């Protein structure tokens, strides 16, 4: 049976920054009123953001099938067009690229 989750070792602060990026991306990429499929993606990403917000540190389990969207969220959020600032994007990109 294939693994459905990947684990990422991160502190609670990094998980909160990841939650910010994923939440902002979900709202920007999948606004309310879109297709049913888009709304399912939006809710799944918002659930992941909530999960990241509650992470106390250590191994963070993320859905394997969401990893491309999570990486895209970090690239967008901390990129030129996104609202994020600082070098947290580089840290999160490195953290997520290990999986």
N, C-alpha and C. Protein backbone atom coordinates (compact mmCIF):
# COMPACT_ATOMS: atom_id res chain seq x y z
N UNK A 1 0.84 -1.17 0.00
CA UNK A 1 0.00 0.00 0.00
C UNK A 1 0.89 1.24 0.00
N UNK A 2 0.56 2.20 -0.84
CA UNK A 2 1.35 3.42 -0.95
C UNK A 2 1.10 4.33 0.24
N UNK A 3 2.13 5.07 0.58
CA UNK A 3 2.01 6.06 1.63
C UNK A 3 1.10 7.19 1.18
N UNK A 4 0.21 7.65 2.03
CA UNK A 4 -0.68 8.76 1.69
C UNK A 4 -0.18 10.07 2.26
N UNK A 5 0.81 10.00 3.13
CA UNK A 5 1.35 11.19 3.77
C UNK A 5 2.87 11.22 3.64
N UNK A 6 3.41 12.41 3.68
CA UNK A 6 4.85 12.60 3.81
C UNK A 6 5.06 13.36 5.11
N UNK A 7 6.18 13.16 5.72
CA UNK A 7 6.47 13.88 6.95
C UNK A 7 7.59 14.87 6.71
N UNK A 8 7.44 16.02 7.31
CA UNK A 8 8.41 17.09 7.21
C UNK A 8 8.78 17.48 8.64
N UNK A 9 10.04 17.50 8.93
CA UNK A 9 10.49 17.88 10.26
C UNK A 9 10.60 19.40 10.30
N UNK A 10 9.77 20.03 11.15
CA UNK A 10 9.82 21.49 11.26
C UNK A 10 9.32 21.96 12.62
N UNK A 11 9.78 23.11 12.98
CA UNK A 11 9.36 23.75 14.23
C UNK A 11 7.98 24.37 14.05
N UNK A 12 7.36 24.72 15.14
CA UNK A 12 6.01 25.28 15.08
C UNK A 12 5.97 26.61 14.33
N UNK A 13 7.02 27.41 14.43
CA UNK A 13 7.05 28.70 13.73
C UNK A 13 7.06 28.50 12.22
N UNK A 14 7.86 27.55 11.74
CA UNK A 14 7.90 27.26 10.30
C UNK A 14 6.56 26.72 9.84
N UNK A 15 5.92 25.90 10.66
CA UNK A 15 4.60 25.37 10.30
C UNK A 15 3.57 26.49 10.22
N UNK A 16 3.67 27.49 11.09
CA UNK A 16 2.74 28.62 11.04
C UNK A 16 2.96 29.44 9.77
N UNK A 17 4.22 29.62 9.37
CA UNK A 17 4.50 30.34 8.12
C UNK A 17 3.97 29.55 6.92
N UNK A 18 4.11 28.24 6.99
CA UNK A 18 3.56 27.40 5.93
C UNK A 18 2.04 27.54 5.89
N UNK A 19 1.40 27.57 7.05
CA UNK A 19 -0.05 27.73 7.12
C UNK A 19 -0.48 29.05 6.49
N UNK A 20 0.25 30.12 6.77
CA UNK A 20 -0.07 31.43 6.18
C UNK A 20 -0.03 31.36 4.66
N UNK A 21 1.03 30.75 4.14
CA UNK A 21 1.19 30.66 2.69
C UNK A 21 0.09 29.82 2.05
N UNK A 22 -0.20 28.67 2.64
CA UNK A 22 -1.22 27.78 2.08
C UNK A 22 -2.60 28.42 2.15
N UNK A 23 -2.90 29.08 3.25
CA UNK A 23 -4.21 29.73 3.41
C UNK A 23 -4.39 30.85 2.39
N UNK A 24 -3.38 31.70 2.26
CA UNK A 24 -3.47 32.81 1.29
C UNK A 24 -3.60 32.28 -0.13
N UNK A 25 -2.85 31.23 -0.45
CA UNK A 25 -2.92 30.62 -1.78
C UNK A 25 -4.30 30.04 -2.05
N UNK A 26 -4.87 29.37 -1.06
CA UNK A 26 -6.20 28.78 -1.23
C UNK A 26 -7.24 29.86 -1.54
N UNK A 27 -7.16 30.97 -0.83
CA UNK A 27 -8.11 32.06 -1.06
C UNK A 27 -7.89 32.72 -2.43
N UNK A 28 -6.64 32.84 -2.84
CA UNK A 28 -6.33 33.51 -4.11
C UNK A 28 -6.60 32.60 -5.32
N UNK A 29 -6.20 31.35 -5.22
CA UNK A 29 -6.31 30.44 -6.36
C UNK A 29 -7.70 29.84 -6.52
N UNK A 30 -8.41 29.70 -5.41
CA UNK A 30 -9.73 29.07 -5.43
C UNK A 30 -10.74 29.93 -4.69
N UNK A 31 -11.13 31.07 -5.27
CA UNK A 31 -12.08 31.96 -4.57
C UNK A 31 -13.45 31.31 -4.44
N UNK A 32 -14.23 31.78 -3.46
CA UNK A 32 -15.59 31.24 -3.30
C UNK A 32 -16.40 31.42 -4.59
N UNK A 33 -17.29 30.47 -4.84
CA UNK A 33 -18.16 30.57 -6.00
C UNK A 33 -17.62 29.88 -7.24
N UNK A 34 -16.45 29.27 -7.12
CA UNK A 34 -15.89 28.55 -8.26
C UNK A 34 -16.57 27.21 -8.45
N UNK A 35 -15.99 26.41 -9.31
CA UNK A 35 -16.56 25.09 -9.59
C UNK A 35 -16.53 24.22 -8.33
N UNK A 36 -17.28 23.16 -8.36
CA UNK A 36 -17.32 22.24 -7.23
C UNK A 36 -15.94 21.66 -6.96
N UNK A 37 -15.24 21.32 -8.02
CA UNK A 37 -13.89 20.75 -7.88
C UNK A 37 -12.94 21.77 -7.25
N UNK A 38 -13.04 23.03 -7.67
CA UNK A 38 -12.19 24.08 -7.11
C UNK A 38 -12.50 24.29 -5.63
N UNK A 39 -13.75 24.18 -5.26
CA UNK A 39 -14.13 24.36 -3.86
C UNK A 39 -13.61 23.22 -2.99
N UNK A 40 -13.57 22.03 -3.54
CA UNK A 40 -13.00 20.89 -2.80
C UNK A 40 -11.51 21.13 -2.58
N UNK A 41 -10.81 21.60 -3.60
CA UNK A 41 -9.39 21.91 -3.47
C UNK A 41 -9.16 23.00 -2.43
N UNK A 42 -9.99 24.01 -2.47
CA UNK A 42 -9.90 25.12 -1.52
C UNK A 42 -10.04 24.62 -0.08
N UNK A 43 -11.08 23.83 0.17
CA UNK A 43 -11.32 23.33 1.52
C UNK A 43 -10.21 22.40 1.99
N UNK A 44 -9.69 21.58 1.09
CA UNK A 44 -8.60 20.68 1.46
C UNK A 44 -7.36 21.48 1.85
N UNK A 45 -7.06 22.54 1.10
CA UNK A 45 -5.91 23.38 1.43
C UNK A 45 -6.14 24.13 2.74
N UNK A 46 -7.34 24.61 2.97
CA UNK A 46 -7.64 25.30 4.23
C UNK A 46 -7.54 24.34 5.42
N UNK A 47 -7.93 23.09 5.23
CA UNK A 47 -7.76 22.07 6.28
C UNK A 47 -6.28 21.85 6.57
N UNK A 48 -5.48 21.79 5.51
CA UNK A 48 -4.04 21.62 5.68
C UNK A 48 -3.44 22.81 6.42
N UNK A 49 -3.88 24.01 6.08
CA UNK A 49 -3.38 25.21 6.77
C UNK A 49 -3.73 25.15 8.26
N UNK A 50 -4.93 24.74 8.59
CA UNK A 50 -5.33 24.62 9.99
C UNK A 50 -4.48 23.58 10.71
N UNK A 51 -4.22 22.48 10.03
CA UNK A 51 -3.37 21.42 10.59
C UNK A 51 -1.96 21.96 10.87
N UNK A 52 -1.44 22.75 9.96
CA UNK A 52 -0.10 23.34 10.13
C UNK A 52 -0.10 24.34 11.29
N UNK A 53 -1.16 25.12 11.42
CA UNK A 53 -1.28 26.09 12.52
C UNK A 53 -1.18 25.43 13.88
N UNK A 54 -1.71 24.24 14.01
CA UNK A 54 -1.74 23.54 15.30
C UNK A 54 -0.50 22.71 15.58
N UNK A 55 0.43 22.66 14.63
CA UNK A 55 1.62 21.80 14.77
C UNK A 55 2.52 22.29 15.91
N UNK A 56 2.82 21.42 16.87
CA UNK A 56 3.64 21.84 18.01
C UNK A 56 5.15 21.77 17.76
N UNK A 57 5.54 21.24 16.63
CA UNK A 57 6.96 21.04 16.32
C UNK A 57 7.24 19.55 16.17
N UNK A 58 8.30 19.24 15.45
CA UNK A 58 8.63 17.84 15.19
C UNK A 58 8.20 17.44 13.79
N UNK A 59 7.70 16.23 13.67
CA UNK A 59 7.29 15.70 12.36
C UNK A 59 5.88 16.17 12.00
N UNK A 60 5.77 16.88 10.90
CA UNK A 60 4.50 17.37 10.38
C UNK A 60 4.07 16.47 9.23
N UNK A 61 2.91 15.85 9.35
CA UNK A 61 2.39 14.98 8.29
C UNK A 61 1.56 15.80 7.31
N UNK A 62 1.90 15.70 6.03
CA UNK A 62 1.18 16.39 4.97
C UNK A 62 0.71 15.37 3.95
N UNK A 63 -0.43 15.63 3.34
CA UNK A 63 -0.94 14.71 2.32
C UNK A 63 -0.02 14.73 1.10
N UNK A 64 0.38 13.57 0.71
CA UNK A 64 1.32 13.44 -0.41
C UNK A 64 0.74 14.04 -1.70
N UNK A 65 -0.54 13.84 -1.92
CA UNK A 65 -1.15 14.33 -3.17
C UNK A 65 -1.26 15.85 -3.19
N UNK A 66 -1.14 16.51 -2.03
CA UNK A 66 -1.20 17.97 -1.97
C UNK A 66 0.16 18.63 -2.11
N UNK A 67 1.22 17.87 -2.09
CA UNK A 67 2.56 18.47 -2.09
C UNK A 67 2.80 19.42 -3.26
N UNK A 68 2.37 19.10 -4.49
CA UNK A 68 2.56 20.08 -5.57
C UNK A 68 1.86 21.41 -5.30
N UNK A 69 0.66 21.37 -4.75
CA UNK A 69 -0.06 22.60 -4.43
C UNK A 69 0.59 23.34 -3.26
N UNK A 70 1.07 22.61 -2.29
CA UNK A 70 1.74 23.24 -1.15
C UNK A 70 3.02 23.93 -1.60
N UNK A 71 3.79 23.27 -2.45
CA UNK A 71 5.01 23.90 -2.99
C UNK A 71 4.66 25.13 -3.82
N UNK A 72 3.60 25.03 -4.62
CA UNK A 72 3.15 26.18 -5.42
C UNK A 72 2.72 27.33 -4.52
N UNK A 73 2.07 27.01 -3.42
CA UNK A 73 1.64 28.04 -2.48
C UNK A 73 2.83 28.79 -1.91
N UNK A 74 3.87 28.08 -1.54
CA UNK A 74 5.07 28.71 -0.98
C UNK A 74 5.76 29.57 -2.04
N UNK A 75 5.89 29.04 -3.26
CA UNK A 75 6.52 29.81 -4.34
C UNK A 75 5.75 31.11 -4.61
N UNK A 76 4.43 31.00 -4.68
CA UNK A 76 3.61 32.18 -4.95
C UNK A 76 3.65 33.16 -3.78
N UNK A 77 3.41 32.67 -2.59
CA UNK A 77 3.29 33.54 -1.42
C UNK A 77 4.57 34.34 -1.17
N UNK A 78 5.71 33.70 -1.31
CA UNK A 78 6.97 34.38 -1.06
C UNK A 78 7.63 34.91 -2.33
N UNK A 79 6.95 34.77 -3.46
CA UNK A 79 7.46 35.29 -4.74
C UNK A 79 7.15 36.76 -4.91
N UNK A 80 7.49 37.28 -6.08
CA UNK A 80 7.30 38.70 -6.38
C UNK A 80 5.84 39.13 -6.34
N UNK A 81 4.93 38.26 -6.72
CA UNK A 81 3.52 38.62 -6.79
C UNK A 81 2.74 38.31 -5.51
N UNK A 82 3.34 37.57 -4.61
CA UNK A 82 2.64 37.18 -3.40
C UNK A 82 2.83 38.15 -2.25
N UNK A 83 2.03 38.00 -1.21
CA UNK A 83 2.07 38.93 -0.07
C UNK A 83 3.15 38.63 0.96
N UNK A 84 3.83 37.50 0.86
CA UNK A 84 4.83 37.13 1.86
C UNK A 84 6.12 37.91 1.70
N UNK A 85 6.83 38.04 2.80
CA UNK A 85 8.11 38.75 2.79
C UNK A 85 9.12 37.99 3.64
N UNK A 86 10.37 38.31 3.44
CA UNK A 86 11.42 37.70 4.24
C UNK A 86 11.99 36.47 3.58
N UNK A 87 12.88 35.83 4.29
CA UNK A 87 13.56 34.66 3.73
C UNK A 87 12.90 33.35 4.15
N UNK A 88 11.70 33.42 4.72
CA UNK A 88 10.99 32.20 5.11
C UNK A 88 10.67 31.33 3.90
N UNK A 89 10.47 31.96 2.76
CA UNK A 89 10.17 31.20 1.55
C UNK A 89 11.30 30.26 1.17
N UNK A 90 12.52 30.72 1.29
CA UNK A 90 13.67 29.87 0.97
C UNK A 90 13.75 28.70 1.94
N UNK A 91 13.51 28.98 3.21
CA UNK A 91 13.56 27.93 4.23
C UNK A 91 12.49 26.89 3.98
N UNK A 92 11.27 27.35 3.70
CA UNK A 92 10.17 26.42 3.47
C UNK A 92 10.36 25.65 2.17
N UNK A 93 10.87 26.31 1.15
CA UNK A 93 11.12 25.61 -0.12
C UNK A 93 12.13 24.49 0.08
N UNK A 94 13.19 24.77 0.83
CA UNK A 94 14.20 23.75 1.11
C UNK A 94 13.60 22.61 1.93
N UNK A 95 12.78 22.96 2.89
CA UNK A 95 12.14 21.96 3.74
C UNK A 95 11.23 21.04 2.93
N UNK A 96 10.45 21.63 2.02
CA UNK A 96 9.50 20.86 1.23
C UNK A 96 10.16 20.10 0.08
N UNK A 97 11.31 20.56 -0.37
CA UNK A 97 11.96 19.89 -1.50
C UNK A 97 12.61 18.58 -1.10
N UNK A 98 12.74 18.35 0.18
CA UNK A 98 13.33 17.09 0.66
C UNK A 98 12.38 15.92 0.45
N UNK A 99 11.12 16.22 0.17
CA UNK A 99 10.12 15.15 0.00
C UNK A 99 9.59 15.15 -1.40
